[in-house]
Amino acid sequence: MTIIACDGQIITALGDRHQTWQGLCQGQTGLAAVQPHGFQSAWPVAACDLEGELGSPQRLASLLDRLVATLPSLPAQTPVICATTKAAPDELLDGEAGLVAQPFHLAGLVRQRLAWAGQVDTVSAACASGTLAIIQAAMRLEAGECRAVLVLGLDLVSRFVLAGFASLQALSTGGCRPFDAGRDGLSLGEGGGWLLLATEDGAHDLGLPGQARLAGWGTACDATHITAPCRQASGLIATIGQITRQGQLPVGAINAHGTGTLYNDAMELTAFGHQWSSPPPVHSVKGAIGHCLGGAGVIETVIALDSLAAGHIPPTHGFRSVAQGSVAISGTACLQLEGPSILTINSGFGGINAGVLLDLNLA
């Protein structure tokens, strides 16, 4: 069965889908120093132009409303799979009387705004949440449960999560530098996106021509540590093997997780070197839009659609010199795809790894 990515939209610190793509290709970054209430120092984060305080229910509602406003007309029975890590966690810190915007509220908030009768579920599996939601949608389509699925992923910059990563000493002091030899940590971002997946018949019924084929997907957990990835990259190696059918499917470029942390980037480069003697070109968007947590997988898959359409991957903001191996990182300039396909992968706490392969074979 052919599963088609019909359409998608994103909101990041650089703007909407078109603005984000243009900003990425021009080497822009949305990172700026922010010192939230209660913090003794400022940290570089990629915040969106949203209403409400960082990490608040009002900010989550603002982001959700902006995403919903961009949706095409869809049947009321269209199932929705949401993805988030923490939704609006700072309402826990502010002691509000009733919690209204935790991860378990997200499905209800989406249903309320869409006024749809279809099934709405939420995936919350650390930083692989968005990619896992896409995979779950693909599996439902493959099983014949439906003909179209809407995937929606989002997360906020919050004091709660910022303090957590600071306590792990995982935050960059000057801005995320994915795969760079001098990288010193991640930079948090916020934003969201939606991706519409459908079968061939479903895409035809919706009147949408399709932007790419979902050629493969995979997921694996190395279960090495609660936060650190496996140094030998066992989970990501297994994931890439599943996605590419053990190397049978060609990969023209890789949108990597690329957080800018010491161990994640080293793990990814190890996996790429294991899978390919000469890996395809690699990039990461997190130096430009930050790490958008549960929204990252959806946002980055939509960006991968634009890479396919353009025939190149955008620069990796903050990258200067590769830390290990001979992987081609996009650096300060775009790199051409080596073929009409792109692999996009995400990894999360607990050793979760997930990825999808998009290509232009819509026949």
Protein backbone atom coordinates (compact mmCIF):
# COMPACT_ATOMS: atom_id res chain seq x y z
CA MET A 1 0.00 0.00 0.00
CA THR A 2 1.26 3.49 -0.87
CA ILE A 3 0.98 6.01 1.96
CA ILE A 4 1.15 9.61 0.86
CA ALA A 5 2.09 12.76 2.72
CA CYS A 6 -0.56 15.05 1.31
CA ASP A 7 0.06 18.35 3.04
CA GLY A 8 1.55 19.93 6.14
CA GLN A 9 2.13 23.20 7.96
CA ILE A 10 4.43 24.32 10.75
CA ILE A 11 4.95 27.21 13.14
CA THR A 12 8.46 27.80 14.48
CA ALA A 13 10.55 30.67 15.80
CA LEU A 14 11.28 31.50 12.15
CA GLY A 15 7.60 31.68 11.18
CA ASP A 16 5.27 29.47 9.14
CA ARG A 17 6.30 26.70 6.75
CA HIS A 18 7.40 29.00 3.94
CA GLN A 19 9.14 31.46 6.27
CA THR A 20 10.88 28.65 8.16
CA TRP A 21 12.18 27.04 4.98
CA GLN A 22 13.44 30.35 3.60
CA GLY A 23 15.05 31.23 6.93
CA LEU A 24 16.78 27.86 7.18
CA CYS A 25 18.18 28.11 3.66
CA GLN A 26 19.43 31.64 4.36
CA GLY A 27 21.24 30.52 7.51
CA GLN A 28 18.99 32.40 9.93
CA THR A 29 18.36 31.42 13.53
CA GLY A 30 15.43 32.05 15.83
CA LEU A 31 17.54 31.59 18.97
CA ALA A 32 17.66 34.51 21.40
CA ALA A 33 18.67 34.84 25.05
CA VAL A 34 15.74 34.63 27.48
CA GLN A 35 15.85 34.82 31.28
CA PRO A 36 12.54 33.50 32.63
CA HIS A 37 11.25 34.44 36.07
CA GLY A 38 13.18 32.61 38.79
CA PHE A 39 16.27 31.93 36.67
CA GLN A 40 19.63 33.41 37.63
CA SER A 41 20.91 33.54 34.05
CA ALA A 42 19.63 33.77 30.49
CA TRP A 43 19.59 30.86 28.07
CA PRO A 44 19.35 30.83 24.26
CA VAL A 45 15.89 29.56 23.25
CA ALA A 46 13.83 29.68 20.05
CA ALA A 47 10.49 31.14 21.11
CA CYS A 48 7.56 31.71 18.77
CA ASP A 49 5.41 34.81 18.45
CA LEU A 50 2.58 33.57 20.68
CA GLU A 51 0.24 34.95 23.29
CA GLY A 52 0.73 34.07 26.96
CA GLU A 53 3.68 33.43 29.25
CA LEU A 54 6.24 30.71 28.61
CA GLY A 55 4.84 27.25 29.29
CA SER A 56 1.33 28.52 30.09
CA PRO A 57 -2.07 27.16 29.04
CA GLN A 58 -2.72 30.46 27.27
CA ARG A 59 0.42 30.01 25.17
CA LEU A 60 -0.53 26.43 24.32
CA ALA A 61 -3.99 27.60 23.25
CA SER A 62 -2.43 30.32 21.09
CA LEU A 63 -0.18 27.81 19.31
CA LEU A 64 -2.96 25.28 18.89
CA ASP A 65 -5.37 27.86 17.48
CA ARG A 66 -2.78 29.06 14.96
CA LEU A 67 -2.15 25.49 13.79
CA VAL A 68 -5.84 24.61 13.51
CA ALA A 69 -6.48 27.78 11.49
CA THR A 70 -4.19 26.46 8.73
CA LEU A 71 -5.90 23.09 8.31
CA PRO A 72 -7.59 22.23 5.02
CA SER A 73 -11.22 21.13 4.92
CA LEU A 74 -11.34 17.51 6.08
CA PRO A 75 -14.11 14.98 6.78
CA ALA A 76 -15.41 15.16 10.36
CA GLN A 77 -14.50 11.50 10.91
CA THR A 78 -10.79 12.02 10.15
CA PRO A 79 -8.79 10.54 13.04
CA VAL A 80 -6.19 12.73 14.71
CA ILE A 81 -2.99 11.63 16.47
CA CYS A 82 -1.44 14.32 18.67
CA ALA A 83 2.13 14.40 19.95
CA THR A 84 3.63 16.33 22.86
CA THR A 85 6.04 15.81 25.72
CA LYS A 86 4.75 18.23 28.36
CA ALA A 87 2.07 20.44 26.73
CA ALA A 88 1.86 23.46 29.12
CA PRO A 89 3.83 22.28 32.16
CA ASP A 90 4.25 25.63 33.90
CA GLU A 91 0.68 25.58 35.14
CA LEU A 92 2.04 23.03 37.62
CA LEU A 93 4.51 25.63 38.89
CA ASP A 94 1.98 28.44 39.12
CA GLY A 95 -0.40 26.52 41.36
CA GLU A 96 -3.49 27.16 39.30
CA ALA A 97 -6.72 25.81 40.77
CA GLY A 98 -7.43 23.28 38.03
CA LEU A 99 -5.09 21.75 35.48
CA VAL A 100 -6.32 22.29 31.92
CA ALA A 101 -3.32 21.89 29.59
CA GLN A 102 -1.37 18.80 30.55
CA PRO A 103 -0.47 16.15 27.93
CA PHE A 104 -3.56 14.11 28.80
CA HIS A 105 -5.72 17.16 28.03
CA LEU A 106 -4.36 17.67 24.50
CA ALA A 107 -6.69 15.27 22.68
CA GLY A 108 -9.71 16.96 24.25
CA LEU A 109 -8.42 20.43 23.39
CA VAL A 110 -7.92 19.40 19.77
CA ARG A 111 -11.33 17.74 19.55
CA GLN A 112 -12.94 20.88 20.98
CA ARG A 113 -11.34 23.14 18.40
CA LEU A 114 -11.97 20.88 15.42
CA ALA A 115 -15.50 19.91 16.40
CA TRP A 116 -14.82 16.57 14.74
CA ALA A 117 -16.33 13.23 15.55
CA GLY A 118 -13.23 11.21 14.67
CA GLN A 119 -10.94 9.44 17.12
CA VAL A 120 -8.32 11.69 18.76
CA ASP A 121 -5.33 10.15 20.56
CA THR A 122 -2.13 11.50 22.10
CA VAL A 123 1.41 10.11 21.91
CA SER A 124 3.80 11.30 24.63
CA ALA A 125 7.11 9.49 24.27
CA ALA A 126 9.80 12.07 24.91
CA CYS A 127 11.50 13.71 21.94
CA ALA A 128 10.48 10.95 19.52
CA SER A 129 6.77 11.67 20.12
CA GLY A 130 6.10 13.40 16.80
CA THR A 131 7.82 10.75 14.71
CA LEU A 132 6.10 7.95 16.62
CA ALA A 133 2.73 9.64 16.00
CA ILE A 134 3.50 9.66 12.25
CA ILE A 135 4.43 5.97 12.40
CA GLN A 136 1.25 5.16 14.30
CA ALA A 137 -0.76 6.98 11.62
CA ALA A 138 1.01 5.02 8.87
CA MET A 139 0.28 1.74 10.62
CA ARG A 140 -3.43 2.58 10.88
CA LEU A 141 -3.54 3.40 7.19
CA GLU A 142 -1.66 0.21 6.29
CA ALA A 143 -4.07 -1.84 8.40
CA GLY A 144 -7.04 -0.37 6.51
CA GLU A 145 -8.53 1.31 9.59
CA CYS A 146 -8.95 4.61 7.72
CA ARG A 147 -8.04 6.39 4.50
CA ALA A 148 -6.56 9.57 5.98
CA VAL A 149 -5.02 10.56 9.33
CA LEU A 150 -4.06 13.98 10.66
CA VAL A 151 -0.92 14.09 12.83
CA LEU A 152 -0.44 17.16 15.03
CA GLY A 153 2.64 17.73 17.20
CA LEU A 154 3.54 20.66 19.44
CA ASP A 155 5.46 21.75 22.53
CA LEU A 156 6.38 24.94 24.34
CA VAL A 157 9.46 26.50 25.85
CA SER A 158 8.76 26.35 29.57
CA ARG A 159 10.46 27.08 32.89
CA PHE A 160 9.74 23.49 33.92
CA VAL A 161 11.60 21.88 31.01
CA LEU A 162 14.31 24.55 30.89
CA ALA A 163 15.12 23.93 34.56
CA GLY A 164 15.16 20.19 33.94
CA PHE A 165 17.71 20.35 31.14
CA ALA A 166 19.74 22.90 33.09
CA SER A 167 19.93 20.47 36.00
CA LEU A 168 21.26 17.84 33.58
CA GLN A 169 23.87 20.38 32.40
CA ALA A 170 22.60 19.74 28.89
CA LEU A 171 21.90 23.34 27.78
CA SER A 172 24.21 25.30 25.50
CA THR A 173 25.40 28.61 26.86
CA GLY A 174 25.82 30.23 23.47
CA GLY A 175 23.43 28.41 21.18
CA CYS A 176 23.06 24.88 19.86
CA ARG A 177 25.81 23.74 17.43
CA PRO A 178 24.74 20.35 16.03
CA PHE A 179 27.57 17.93 15.19
CA ASP A 180 30.22 20.59 15.77
CA ALA A 181 33.46 19.59 17.45
CA GLY A 182 32.94 22.38 20.00
CA ARG A 183 29.26 21.74 20.75
CA ASP A 184 28.23 22.26 24.36
CA GLY A 185 24.55 21.35 24.58
CA LEU A 186 21.06 21.85 23.22
CA SER A 187 18.84 24.90 22.89
CA LEU A 188 15.14 24.53 23.55
CA GLY A 189 12.62 25.64 20.96
CA GLU A 190 8.87 25.70 20.67
CA GLY A 191 6.39 25.32 17.90
CA GLY A 192 4.21 22.79 16.22
CA GLY A 193 3.05 21.34 12.99
CA TRP A 194 0.55 19.08 11.31
CA LEU A 195 0.98 16.47 8.63
CA LEU A 196 -1.82 14.83 6.67
CA LEU A 197 -1.19 11.23 5.63
CA ALA A 198 -3.50 9.24 3.37
CA THR A 199 -3.76 6.19 1.17
CA GLU A 200 -3.82 6.73 -2.58
CA ASP A 201 -7.62 6.53 -2.60
CA GLY A 202 -7.85 8.79 0.43
CA ALA A 203 -5.63 11.42 -1.18
CA HIS A 204 -7.73 11.24 -4.34
CA ASP A 205 -10.95 11.69 -2.34
CA LEU A 206 -9.48 14.75 -0.62
CA GLY A 207 -8.41 16.24 -3.94
CA LEU A 208 -4.79 16.49 -2.80
CA PRO A 209 -2.01 15.46 -5.22
CA GLY A 210 0.46 14.40 -2.52
CA GLN A 211 3.91 15.77 -1.78
CA ALA A 212 5.85 12.56 -1.06
CA ARG A 213 5.52 8.87 -0.32
CA LEU A 214 6.15 7.43 3.11
CA ALA A 215 8.54 4.75 1.89
CA GLY A 216 9.54 3.25 5.24
CA TRP A 217 9.51 3.70 8.97
CA GLY A 218 11.06 2.11 12.04
CA THR A 219 11.51 2.38 15.78
CA ALA A 220 13.67 0.73 18.41
CA CYS A 221 14.63 1.29 22.03
CA ASP A 222 18.15 0.62 23.29
CA ALA A 223 16.98 0.93 26.96
CA THR A 224 20.52 1.86 27.99
CA HIS A 225 19.81 4.79 30.30
CA ILE A 226 16.96 7.04 31.36
CA THR A 227 18.49 10.05 29.56
CA ALA A 228 21.71 9.04 27.79
CA PRO A 229 21.74 7.19 24.44
CA CYS A 230 23.60 3.98 23.84
CA ARG A 231 27.22 4.87 22.98
CA GLN A 232 27.26 2.09 20.36
CA ALA A 233 24.05 3.47 18.77
CA SER A 234 22.35 0.07 18.88
CA GLY A 235 18.82 1.49 18.89
CA LEU A 236 19.34 3.92 16.03
CA ILE A 237 21.22 1.33 13.97
CA ALA A 238 18.28 -1.04 14.35
CA THR A 239 15.84 1.75 13.48
CA ILE A 240 17.67 2.74 10.30
CA GLY A 241 17.87 -0.92 9.32
CA GLN A 242 14.10 -1.27 9.65
CA ILE A 243 13.42 1.93 7.70
CA THR A 244 15.74 1.12 4.80
CA ARG A 245 14.98 -2.64 4.77
CA GLN A 246 18.56 -3.29 5.77
CA GLY A 247 19.97 -0.92 3.19
CA GLN A 248 17.74 -1.89 0.26
CA LEU A 249 16.03 1.53 0.11
CA PRO A 250 18.30 4.41 -0.98
CA VAL A 251 18.64 7.53 1.19
CA GLY A 252 19.43 10.83 -0.51
CA ALA A 253 20.02 12.83 2.69
CA ILE A 254 19.38 12.72 6.43
CA ASN A 255 17.50 15.16 8.62
CA ALA A 256 19.20 14.13 11.86
CA HIS A 257 18.00 14.61 15.42
CA GLY A 258 21.16 16.70 15.91
CA THR A 259 20.59 18.23 19.33
CA GLY A 260 24.09 19.59 19.80
CA THR A 261 24.70 17.52 22.93
CA LEU A 262 27.93 15.58 23.22
CA TYR A 263 26.49 12.08 23.42
CA ASN A 264 23.47 12.34 21.09
CA ASP A 265 25.45 13.69 18.16
CA ALA A 266 28.25 11.17 18.67
CA MET A 267 25.68 8.37 18.78
CA GLU A 268 24.09 9.50 15.50
CA LEU A 269 27.42 9.79 13.71
CA THR A 270 28.31 6.30 14.92
CA ALA A 271 25.02 4.97 13.50
CA PHE A 272 25.51 6.68 10.15
CA GLY A 273 29.05 5.34 9.85
CA HIS A 274 27.81 1.85 10.66
CA GLN A 275 25.02 1.94 8.07
CA TRP A 276 26.97 3.54 5.22
CA SER A 277 30.64 3.47 4.25
CA SER A 278 29.99 6.90 2.77
CA PRO A 279 26.91 8.36 4.51
CA PRO A 280 24.53 10.66 2.63
CA PRO A 281 24.64 14.38 3.49
CA VAL A 282 23.30 15.28 6.93
CA HIS A 283 21.75 18.35 8.50
CA SER A 284 19.99 19.43 11.69
CA VAL A 285 17.54 22.30 12.13
CA LYS A 286 17.95 22.66 15.89
CA GLY A 287 20.60 25.39 15.71
CA ALA A 288 17.98 27.51 13.95
CA ILE A 289 14.63 26.60 15.55
CA GLY A 290 15.78 24.90 18.74
CA HIS A 291 14.73 21.51 20.01
CA CYS A 292 10.94 21.48 19.76
CA LEU A 293 10.63 18.26 21.78
CA GLY A 294 7.36 16.42 20.99
CA GLY A 295 6.72 18.73 18.05
CA ALA A 296 10.14 18.12 16.49
CA GLY A 297 9.24 14.98 14.56
CA VAL A 298 6.26 16.56 12.80
CA ILE A 299 8.02 19.88 12.18
CA GLU A 300 11.10 18.19 10.77
CA THR A 301 9.11 15.84 8.55
CA VAL A 302 7.35 18.82 6.97
CA ILE A 303 10.74 20.48 6.47
CA ALA A 304 11.91 17.23 4.84
CA LEU A 305 9.06 17.58 2.34
CA ASP A 306 10.45 20.97 1.38
CA SER A 307 13.94 19.47 1.07
CA LEU A 308 12.58 16.90 -1.36
CA ALA A 309 10.81 19.56 -3.40
CA ALA A 310 13.93 21.76 -3.53
CA GLY A 311 16.44 18.94 -4.05
CA HIS A 312 18.68 20.04 -1.18
CA ILE A 313 18.99 20.18 2.59
CA PRO A 314 19.41 23.54 4.35
CA PRO A 315 22.49 24.60 6.32
CA THR A 316 23.08 23.40 9.88
CA HIS A 317 23.23 26.64 11.84
CA GLY A 318 26.11 26.67 14.34
CA PHE A 319 28.11 23.89 12.66
CA ARG A 320 31.77 24.62 11.88
CA SER A 321 33.79 21.40 11.90
CA VAL A 322 32.65 17.80 12.20
CA ALA A 323 33.40 16.09 15.48
CA GLN A 324 34.12 12.60 14.14
CA GLY A 325 34.12 10.48 11.01
CA SER A 326 33.71 11.65 7.44
CA VAL A 327 30.01 12.55 7.35
CA ALA A 328 29.11 15.48 5.09
CA ILE A 329 27.31 18.05 7.28
CA SER A 330 25.53 20.90 5.49
CA GLY A 331 27.33 23.60 7.50
CA THR A 332 26.95 27.15 6.17
CA ALA A 333 25.54 26.13 2.77
CA CYS A 334 22.83 23.90 1.37
CA LEU A 335 23.85 20.43 0.18
CA GLN A 336 22.25 18.65 -2.75
CA LEU A 337 20.36 15.41 -2.16
CA GLU A 338 22.14 12.35 -3.51
CA GLY A 339 18.76 11.01 -4.63
CA PRO A 340 15.04 11.82 -4.37
CA SER A 341 14.59 10.59 -0.78
CA ILE A 342 15.24 11.86 2.71
CA LEU A 343 15.46 10.09 6.07
CA THR A 344 14.27 12.03 9.11
CA ILE A 345 15.01 10.64 12.57
CA ASN A 346 14.44 11.55 16.21
CA SER A 347 15.68 10.11 19.47
CA GLY A 348 14.40 10.55 23.01
CA PHE A 349 14.98 9.83 26.67
CA GLY A 350 14.77 6.19 27.61
CA GLY A 351 16.64 5.14 24.48
CA ILE A 352 13.73 5.67 22.06
CA ASN A 353 14.65 6.02 18.38
CA ALA A 354 12.23 6.54 15.52
CA GLY A 355 12.38 7.62 11.90
CA VAL A 356 10.63 7.76 8.55
CA LEU A 357 11.84 7.76 4.95
CA LEU A 358 10.17 10.02 2.40
CA ASP A 359 10.64 9.77 -1.34
CA LEU A 360 9.08 11.13 -4.53
CA ASN A 361 7.95 7.77 -5.90
CA LEU A 362 4.20 8.46 -5.87
CA ALA A 363 3.37 5.98 -8.64
